[in-house]
PDB file of N, CA and C in Angstrom:
ATOM      1  N   MET A   1       0.850  -1.178   0.000  1.00  0.00           N
ATOM      2  CA  MET A   1       0.000   0.000   0.000  1.00  0.00           C
ATOM      3  C   MET A   1       0.891   1.235   0.000  1.00  0.00           C
ATOM      4  N   ASP A   2       0.447   2.238  -0.707  1.00  0.00           N
ATOM      5  CA  ASP A   2       1.131   3.531  -0.745  1.00  0.00           C
ATOM      6  C   ASP A   2       1.370   4.013   0.687  1.00  0.00           C
ATOM      7  N   PRO A   3       2.594   4.496   1.002  1.00  0.00           N
ATOM      8  CA  PRO A   3       2.910   4.895   2.386  1.00  0.00           C
ATOM      9  C   PRO A   3       1.973   5.945   2.980  1.00  0.00           C
ATOM     10  N   GLU A   4       1.549   6.904   2.187  1.00  0.00           N
ATOM     11  CA  GLU A   4       0.643   7.939   2.704  1.00  0.00           C
ATOM     12  C   GLU A   4      -0.730   7.351   3.019  1.00  0.00           C
ATOM     13  N   ARG A   5      -1.205   6.479   2.170  1.00  0.00           N
ATOM     14  CA  ARG A   5      -2.488   5.825   2.434  1.00  0.00           C
ATOM     15  C   ARG A   5      -2.386   4.926   3.664  1.00  0.00           C
ATOM     16  N   GLU A   6      -1.276   4.244   3.790  1.00  0.00           N
ATOM     17  CA  GLU A   6      -1.068   3.389   4.961  1.00  0.00           C
ATOM     18  C   GLU A   6      -1.064   4.228   6.239  1.00  0.00           C
ATOM     19  N   ARG A   7      -0.444   5.389   6.184  1.00  0.00           N
ATOM     20  CA  ARG A   7      -0.422   6.285   7.347  1.00  0.00           C
ATOM     21  C   ARG A   7      -1.833   6.708   7.722  1.00  0.00           C
ATOM     22  N   ARG A   8      -2.635   7.055   6.729  1.00  0.00           N
ATOM     23  CA  ARG A   8      -4.013   7.483   6.976  1.00  0.00           C
ATOM     24  C   ARG A   8      -4.862   6.349   7.528  1.00  0.00           C
ATOM     25  N   LEU A   9      -4.681   5.154   6.986  1.00  0.00           N
ATOM     26  CA  LEU A   9      -5.428   3.995   7.471  1.00  0.00           C
ATOM     27  C   LEU A   9      -5.016   3.650   8.896  1.00  0.00           C
ATOM     28  N   THR A  10      -3.738   3.682   9.167  1.00  0.00           N
ATOM     29  CA  THR A  10      -3.239   3.410  10.517  1.00  0.00           C
ATOM     30  C   THR A  10      -3.813   4.404  11.510  1.00  0.00           C
ATOM     31  N   ALA A  11      -3.891   5.659  11.127  1.00  0.00           N
ATOM     32  CA  ALA A  11      -4.440   6.691  12.011  1.00  0.00           C
ATOM     33  C   ALA A  11      -5.893   6.383  12.365  1.00  0.00           C
ATOM     34  N   ILE A  12      -6.657   5.885  11.411  1.00  0.00           N
ATOM     35  CA  ILE A  12      -8.057   5.523  11.683  1.00  0.00           C
ATOM     36  C   ILE A  12      -8.105   4.412  12.724  1.00  0.00           C
ATOM     37  N   PHE A  13      -7.337   3.359  12.513  1.00  0.00           N
ATOM     38  CA  PHE A  13      -7.325   2.238  13.451  1.00  0.00           C
ATOM     39  C   PHE A  13      -6.884   2.683  14.841  1.00  0.00           C
ATOM     40  N   ARG A  14      -5.825   3.447  14.907  1.00  0.00           N
ATOM     41  CA  ARG A  14      -5.309   3.879  16.208  1.00  0.00           C
ATOM     42  C   ARG A  14      -6.318   4.725  16.964  1.00  0.00           C
ATOM     43  N   ARG A  15      -6.971   5.614  16.256  1.00  0.00           N
ATOM     44  CA  ARG A  15      -7.969   6.488  16.884  1.00  0.00           C
ATOM     45  C   ARG A  15      -9.199   5.685  17.324  1.00  0.00           C
ATOM     46  N   LEU A  16      -9.711   4.847  16.442  1.00  0.00           N
ATOM     47  CA  LEU A  16     -10.932   4.100  16.731  1.00  0.00           C
ATOM     48  C   LEU A  16     -10.759   3.120  17.887  1.00  0.00           C
ATOM     49  N   PHE A  17      -9.613   2.441  17.922  1.00  0.00           N
ATOM     50  CA  PHE A  17      -9.399   1.420  18.946  1.00  0.00           C
ATOM     51  C   PHE A  17      -8.559   1.912  20.123  1.00  0.00           C
ATOM     52  N   CYS A  18      -8.236   3.202  20.122  1.00  0.00           N
ATOM     53  CA  CYS A  18      -7.454   3.815  21.212  1.00  0.00           C
ATOM     54  C   CYS A  18      -6.167   3.047  21.471  1.00  0.00           C
ATOM     55  N   LEU A  19      -5.470   2.736  20.385  1.00  0.00           N
ATOM     56  CA  LEU A  19      -4.208   2.003  20.453  1.00  0.00           C
ATOM     57  C   LEU A  19      -3.148   2.786  19.681  1.00  0.00           C
ATOM     58  N   PRO A  20      -2.508   3.765  20.326  1.00  0.00           N
ATOM     59  CA  PRO A  20      -1.590   4.669  19.624  1.00  0.00           C
ATOM     60  C   PRO A  20      -0.359   4.000  19.021  1.00  0.00           C
ATOM     61  N   ASP A  21      -0.040   2.793  19.434  1.00  0.00           N
ATOM     62  CA  ASP A  21       1.137   2.109  18.904  1.00  0.00           C
ATOM     63  C   ASP A  21       0.788   0.966  17.954  1.00  0.00           C
ATOM     64  N   LEU A  22      -0.473   0.847  17.572  1.00  0.00           N
ATOM     65  CA  LEU A  22      -0.906  -0.254  16.718  1.00  0.00           C
ATOM     66  C   LEU A  22      -0.179  -0.217  15.380  1.00  0.00           C
ATOM     67  N   VAL A  23       0.342  -1.372  14.969  1.00  0.00           N
ATOM     68  CA  VAL A  23       0.994  -1.520  13.670  1.00  0.00           C
ATOM     69  C   VAL A  23       0.075  -2.374  12.802  1.00  0.00           C
ATOM     70  N   LEU A  24      -0.244  -1.879  11.621  1.00  0.00           N
ATOM     71  CA  LEU A  24      -1.160  -2.598  10.736  1.00  0.00           C
ATOM     72  C   LEU A  24      -0.402  -3.592   9.865  1.00  0.00           C
ATOM     73  N   GLU A  25      -0.305  -4.804  10.335  1.00  0.00           N
ATOM     74  CA  GLU A  25       0.292  -5.874   9.546  1.00  0.00           C
ATOM     75  C   GLU A  25      -0.802  -6.516   8.712  1.00  0.00           C
ATOM     76  N   ASP A  26      -0.449  -7.017   7.546  1.00  0.00           N
ATOM     77  CA  ASP A  26      -1.448  -7.564   6.633  1.00  0.00           C
ATOM     78  C   ASP A  26      -2.259  -8.706   7.230  1.00  0.00           C
ATOM     79  N   GLY A  27      -1.671  -9.503   8.089  1.00  0.00           N
ATOM     80  CA  GLY A  27      -2.370 -10.642   8.665  1.00  0.00           C
ATOM     81  C   GLY A  27      -3.234 -10.320   9.870  1.00  0.00           C
ATOM     82  N   LEU A  28      -3.252  -9.066  10.291  1.00  0.00           N
ATOM     83  CA  LEU A  28      -4.018  -8.651  11.469  1.00  0.00           C
ATOM     84  C   LEU A  28      -5.521  -8.863  11.238  1.00  0.00           C
ATOM     85  N   THR A  29      -6.195  -9.445  12.241  1.00  0.00           N
ATOM     86  CA  THR A  29      -7.643  -9.674  12.156  1.00  0.00           C
ATOM     87  C   THR A  29      -8.325  -9.048  13.368  1.00  0.00           C
ATOM     88  N   ALA A  30      -9.646  -9.086  13.361  1.00  0.00           N
ATOM     89  CA  ALA A  30     -10.416  -8.541  14.476  1.00  0.00           C
ATOM     90  C   ALA A  30     -10.063  -9.236  15.788  1.00  0.00           C
ATOM     91  N   ARG A  31      -9.736 -10.512  15.728  1.00  0.00           N
ATOM     92  CA  ARG A  31      -9.366 -11.248  16.948  1.00  0.00           C
ATOM     93  C   ARG A  31      -8.092 -10.690  17.594  1.00  0.00           C
ATOM     94  N   ASP A  32      -7.268 -10.021  16.800  1.00  0.00           N
ATOM     95  CA  ASP A  32      -5.982  -9.517  17.284  1.00  0.00           C
ATOM     96  C   ASP A  32      -6.071  -8.133  17.919  1.00  0.00           C
ATOM     97  N   VAL A  33      -7.189  -7.451  17.741  1.00  0.00           N
ATOM     98  CA  VAL A  33      -7.314  -6.060  18.183  1.00  0.00           C
ATOM     99  C   VAL A  33      -8.413  -5.955  19.241  1.00  0.00           C
ATOM    100  N   PRO A  34      -8.034  -5.580  20.462  1.00  0.00           N
ATOM    101  CA  PRO A  34      -9.042  -5.413  21.514  1.00  0.00           C
ATOM    102  C   PRO A  34     -10.101  -4.380  21.099  1.00  0.00           C
ATOM    103  N   GLY A  35     -11.360  -4.741  21.261  1.00  0.00           N
ATOM    104  CA  GLY A  35     -12.440  -3.817  20.942  1.00  0.00           C
ATOM    105  C   GLY A  35     -12.935  -3.875  19.521  1.00  0.00           C
ATOM    106  N   TRP A  36     -12.316  -4.707  18.689  1.00  0.00           N
ATOM    107  CA  TRP A  36     -12.756  -4.805  17.295  1.00  0.00           C
ATOM    108  C   TRP A  36     -13.907  -5.793  17.229  1.00  0.00           C
ATOM    109  N   ASP A  37     -15.089  -5.293  17.523  1.00  0.00           N
ATOM    110  CA  ASP A  37     -16.302  -6.105  17.485  1.00  0.00           C
ATOM    111  C   ASP A  37     -17.111  -5.701  16.253  1.00  0.00           C
ATOM    112  N   SER A  38     -18.309  -6.248  16.127  1.00  0.00           N
ATOM    113  CA  SER A  38     -19.109  -5.992  14.928  1.00  0.00           C
ATOM    114  C   SER A  38     -19.497  -4.512  14.796  1.00  0.00           C
ATOM    115  N   LEU A  39     -19.797  -3.868  15.903  1.00  0.00           N
ATOM    116  CA  LEU A  39     -20.148  -2.448  15.851  1.00  0.00           C
ATOM    117  C   LEU A  39     -18.949  -1.606  15.416  1.00  0.00           C
ATOM    118  N   ASN A  40     -17.791  -1.859  15.992  1.00  0.00           N
ATOM    119  CA  ASN A  40     -16.600  -1.115  15.606  1.00  0.00           C
ATOM    120  C   ASN A  40     -16.150  -1.465  14.193  1.00  0.00           C
ATOM    121  N   HIS A  41     -16.490  -2.647  13.719  1.00  0.00           N
ATOM    122  CA  HIS A  41     -16.168  -3.011  12.337  1.00  0.00           C
ATOM    123  C   HIS A  41     -16.928  -2.093  11.377  1.00  0.00           C
ATOM    124  N   VAL A  42     -18.210  -1.885  11.669  1.00  0.00           N
ATOM    125  CA  VAL A  42     -19.020  -0.995  10.835  1.00  0.00           C
ATOM    126  C   VAL A  42     -18.478   0.432  10.906  1.00  0.00           C
ATOM    127  N   THR A  43     -18.160   0.879  12.104  1.00  0.00           N
ATOM    128  CA  THR A  43     -17.596   2.222  12.281  1.00  0.00           C
ATOM    129  C   THR A  43     -16.281   2.360  11.520  1.00  0.00           C
ATOM    130  N   LEU A  44     -15.455   1.339  11.595  1.00  0.00           N
ATOM    131  CA  LEU A  44     -14.175   1.342  10.876  1.00  0.00           C
ATOM    132  C   LEU A  44     -14.395   1.516   9.382  1.00  0.00           C
ATOM    133  N   LEU A  45     -15.296   0.741   8.821  1.00  0.00           N
ATOM    134  CA  LEU A  45     -15.536   0.822   7.380  1.00  0.00           C
ATOM    135  C   LEU A  45     -16.107   2.177   6.979  1.00  0.00           C
ATOM    136  N   ILE A  46     -16.967   2.743   7.796  1.00  0.00           N
ATOM    137  CA  ILE A  46     -17.505   4.080   7.514  1.00  0.00           C
ATOM    138  C   ILE A  46     -16.381   5.114   7.525  1.00  0.00           C
ATOM    139  N   GLU A  47     -15.513   5.022   8.522  1.00  0.00           N
ATOM    140  CA  GLU A  47     -14.385   5.958   8.615  1.00  0.00           C
ATOM    141  C   GLU A  47     -13.441   5.807   7.424  1.00  0.00           C
ATOM    142  N   VAL A  48     -13.186   4.584   7.003  1.00  0.00           N
ATOM    143  CA  VAL A  48     -12.319   4.347   5.843  1.00  0.00           C
ATOM    144  C   VAL A  48     -12.964   4.911   4.583  1.00  0.00           C
ATOM    145  N   GLU A  49     -14.251   4.657   4.402  1.00  0.00           N
ATOM    146  CA  GLU A  49     -14.947   5.206   3.236  1.00  0.00           C
ATOM    147  C   GLU A  49     -14.858   6.735   3.224  1.00  0.00           C
ATOM    148  N   ARG A  50     -15.079   7.335   4.366  1.00  0.00           N
ATOM    149  CA  ARG A  50     -15.039   8.798   4.471  1.00  0.00           C
ATOM    150  C   ARG A  50     -13.627   9.328   4.184  1.00  0.00           C
ATOM    151  N   GLU A  51     -12.641   8.721   4.791  1.00  0.00           N
ATOM    152  CA  GLU A  51     -11.252   9.186   4.636  1.00  0.00           C
ATOM    153  C   GLU A  51     -10.771   9.097   3.188  1.00  0.00           C
ATOM    154  N   PHE A  52     -11.145   8.026   2.502  1.00  0.00           N
ATOM    155  CA  PHE A  52     -10.629   7.795   1.164  1.00  0.00           C
ATOM    156  C   PHE A  52     -11.631   8.133   0.058  1.00  0.00           C
ATOM    157  N   GLY A  53     -12.810   8.627   0.429  1.00  0.00           N
ATOM    158  CA  GLY A  53     -13.811   9.002  -0.571  1.00  0.00           C
ATOM    159  C   GLY A  53     -14.346   7.810  -1.344  1.00  0.00           C
ATOM    160  N   LEU A  54     -14.555   6.696  -0.662  1.00  0.00           N
ATOM    161  CA  LEU A  54     -15.009   5.466  -1.298  1.00  0.00           C
ATOM    162  C   LEU A  54     -16.370   5.044  -0.772  1.00  0.00           C
ATOM    163  N   ARG A  55     -16.996   4.114  -1.494  1.00  0.00           N
ATOM    164  CA  ARG A  55     -18.207   3.434  -1.038  1.00  0.00           C
ATOM    165  C   ARG A  55     -18.002   1.963  -1.347  1.00  0.00           C
ATOM    166  N   PHE A  56     -18.003   1.128  -0.320  1.00  0.00           N
ATOM    167  CA  PHE A  56     -17.820  -0.302  -0.503  1.00  0.00           C
ATOM    168  C   PHE A  56     -19.167  -0.980  -0.683  1.00  0.00           C
ATOM    169  N   SER A  57     -19.188  -1.986  -1.541  1.00  0.00           N
ATOM    170  CA  SER A  57     -20.400  -2.781  -1.702  1.00  0.00           C
ATOM    171  C   SER A  57     -20.455  -3.841  -0.598  1.00  0.00           C
ATOM    172  N   SER A  58     -21.629  -4.398  -0.394  1.00  0.00           N
ATOM    173  CA  SER A  58     -21.785  -5.475   0.598  1.00  0.00           C
ATOM    174  C   SER A  58     -20.882  -6.645   0.253  1.00  0.00           C
ATOM    175  N   ARG A  59     -20.774  -6.949  -0.997  1.00  0.00           N
ATOM    176  CA  ARG A  59     -19.914  -8.063  -1.442  1.00  0.00           C
ATOM    177  C   ARG A  59     -18.447  -7.806  -1.098  1.00  0.00           C
ATOM    178  N   GLU A  60     -17.997  -6.584  -1.323  1.00  0.00           N
ATOM    179  CA  GLU A  60     -16.605  -6.250  -0.980  1.00  0.00           C
ATOM    180  C   GLU A  60     -16.380  -6.383   0.521  1.00  0.00           C
ATOM    181  N   ILE A  61     -17.315  -5.910   1.303  1.00  0.00           N
ATOM    182  CA  ILE A  61     -17.194  -5.950   2.767  1.00  0.00           C
ATOM    183  C   ILE A  61     -17.173  -7.385   3.268  1.00  0.00           C
ATOM    184  N   GLU A  62     -17.985  -8.245   2.685  1.00  0.00           N
ATOM    185  CA  GLU A  62     -18.036  -9.648   3.092  1.00  0.00           C
ATOM    186  C   GLU A  62     -16.701 -10.349   2.898  1.00  0.00           C
ATOM    187  N   GLY A  63     -15.917  -9.906   1.937  1.00  0.00           N
ATOM    188  CA  GLY A  63     -14.641 -10.544   1.642  1.00  0.00           C
ATOM    189  C   GLY A  63     -13.488 -10.085   2.515  1.00  0.00           C
ATOM    190  N   LEU A  64     -13.741  -9.178   3.429  1.00  0.00           N
ATOM    191  CA  LEU A  64     -12.667  -8.636   4.266  1.00  0.00           C
ATOM    192  C   LEU A  64     -12.477  -9.500   5.506  1.00  0.00           C
ATOM    193  N   GLU A  65     -11.319 -10.142   5.607  1.00  0.00           N
ATOM    194  CA  GLU A  65     -11.011 -10.945   6.782  1.00  0.00           C
ATOM    195  C   GLU A  65      -9.781 -10.441   7.527  1.00  0.00           C
ATOM    196  N   ARG A  66      -8.856  -9.842   6.783  1.00  0.00           N
ATOM    197  CA  ARG A  66      -7.608  -9.366   7.377  1.00  0.00           C
ATOM    198  C   ARG A  66      -7.368  -7.917   6.949  1.00  0.00           C
ATOM    199  N   VAL A  67      -6.497  -7.255   7.667  1.00  0.00           N
ATOM    200  CA  VAL A  67      -6.152  -5.879   7.307  1.00  0.00           C
ATOM    201  C   VAL A  67      -5.578  -5.824   5.892  1.00  0.00           C
ATOM    202  N   GLY A  68      -4.831  -6.846   5.519  1.00  0.00           N
ATOM    203  CA  GLY A  68      -4.281  -6.888   4.159  1.00  0.00           C
ATOM    204  C   GLY A  68      -5.368  -6.875   3.098  1.00  0.00           C
ATOM    205  N   ASP A  69      -6.498  -7.515   3.386  1.00  0.00           N
ATOM    206  CA  ASP A  69      -7.634  -7.497   2.453  1.00  0.00           C
ATOM    207  C   ASP A  69      -8.183  -6.079   2.309  1.00  0.00           C
ATOM    208  N   LEU A  70      -8.277  -5.376   3.418  1.00  0.00           N
ATOM    209  CA  LEU A  70      -8.772  -3.999   3.397  1.00  0.00           C
ATOM    210  C   LEU A  70      -7.812  -3.098   2.627  1.00  0.00           C
ATOM    211  N   LYS A  71      -6.518  -3.259   2.869  1.00  0.00           N
ATOM    212  CA  LYS A  71      -5.520  -2.465   2.144  1.00  0.00           C
ATOM    213  C   LYS A  71      -5.636  -2.707   0.643  1.00  0.00           C
ATOM    214  N   ALA A  72      -5.748  -3.978   0.262  1.00  0.00           N
ATOM    215  CA  ALA A  72      -5.842  -4.322  -1.164  1.00  0.00           C
ATOM    216  C   ALA A  72      -7.110  -3.741  -1.772  1.00  0.00           C
ATOM    217  N   LEU A  73      -8.206  -3.773  -1.053  1.00  0.00           N
ATOM    218  CA  LEU A  73      -9.458  -3.215  -1.548  1.00  0.00           C
ATOM    219  C   LEU A  73      -9.330  -1.714  -1.753  1.00  0.00           C
ATOM    220  N   ILE A  74      -8.770  -1.026  -0.789  1.00  0.00           N
ATOM    221  CA  ILE A  74      -8.572   0.425  -0.922  1.00  0.00           C
ATOM    222  C   ILE A  74      -7.716   0.726  -2.135  1.00  0.00           C
ATOM    223  N   GLU A  75      -6.600   0.033  -2.260  1.00  0.00           N
ATOM    224  CA  GLU A  75      -5.696   0.273  -3.392  1.00  0.00           C
ATOM    225  C   GLU A  75      -6.382   0.008  -4.718  1.00  0.00           C
ATOM    226  N   SER A  76      -7.139  -1.089  -4.809  1.00  0.00           N
ATOM    227  CA  SER A  76      -7.794  -1.419  -6.079  1.00  0.00           C
ATOM    228  C   SER A  76      -8.827  -0.376  -6.445  1.00  0.00           C
ATOM    229  N   ARG A  77      -9.502   0.174  -5.472  1.00  0.00           N
ATOM    230  CA  ARG A  77     -10.546   1.164  -5.746  1.00  0.00           C
ATOM    231  C   ARG A  77      -9.955   2.539  -6.082  1.00  0.00           C
ATOM    232  N   LEU A  78      -8.735   2.814  -5.648  1.00  0.00           N
ATOM    233  CA  LEU A  78      -8.136   4.137  -5.872  1.00  0.00           C
ATOM    234  C   LEU A  78      -7.231   4.172  -7.099  1.00  0.00           C
ATOM    235  N   ARG A  79      -7.121   3.076  -7.792  1.00  0.00           N
ATOM    236  CA  ARG A  79      -6.289   3.044  -9.013  1.00  0.00           C
ATOM    237  C   ARG A  79      -6.963   3.755 -10.140  1.00  0.00           C
TER     238      ARG A  79
END
């Protein structure tokens, strides 16, 4: 992922989950992040859409299992 986009995405995660030192590794999942429940998942996706000017389809959202999937989706949509 582009370094600037990665910085912006990391800032969203850190702010939402109150984890200022969180590192977004591609294999990171909701199980790895305290507080990443279904409600915060929806909030996360809304914040990502807002930050990057995107709208994800239900199908795209269903395919997201790891942070790497989210990064790839953002990159593919911004090309």
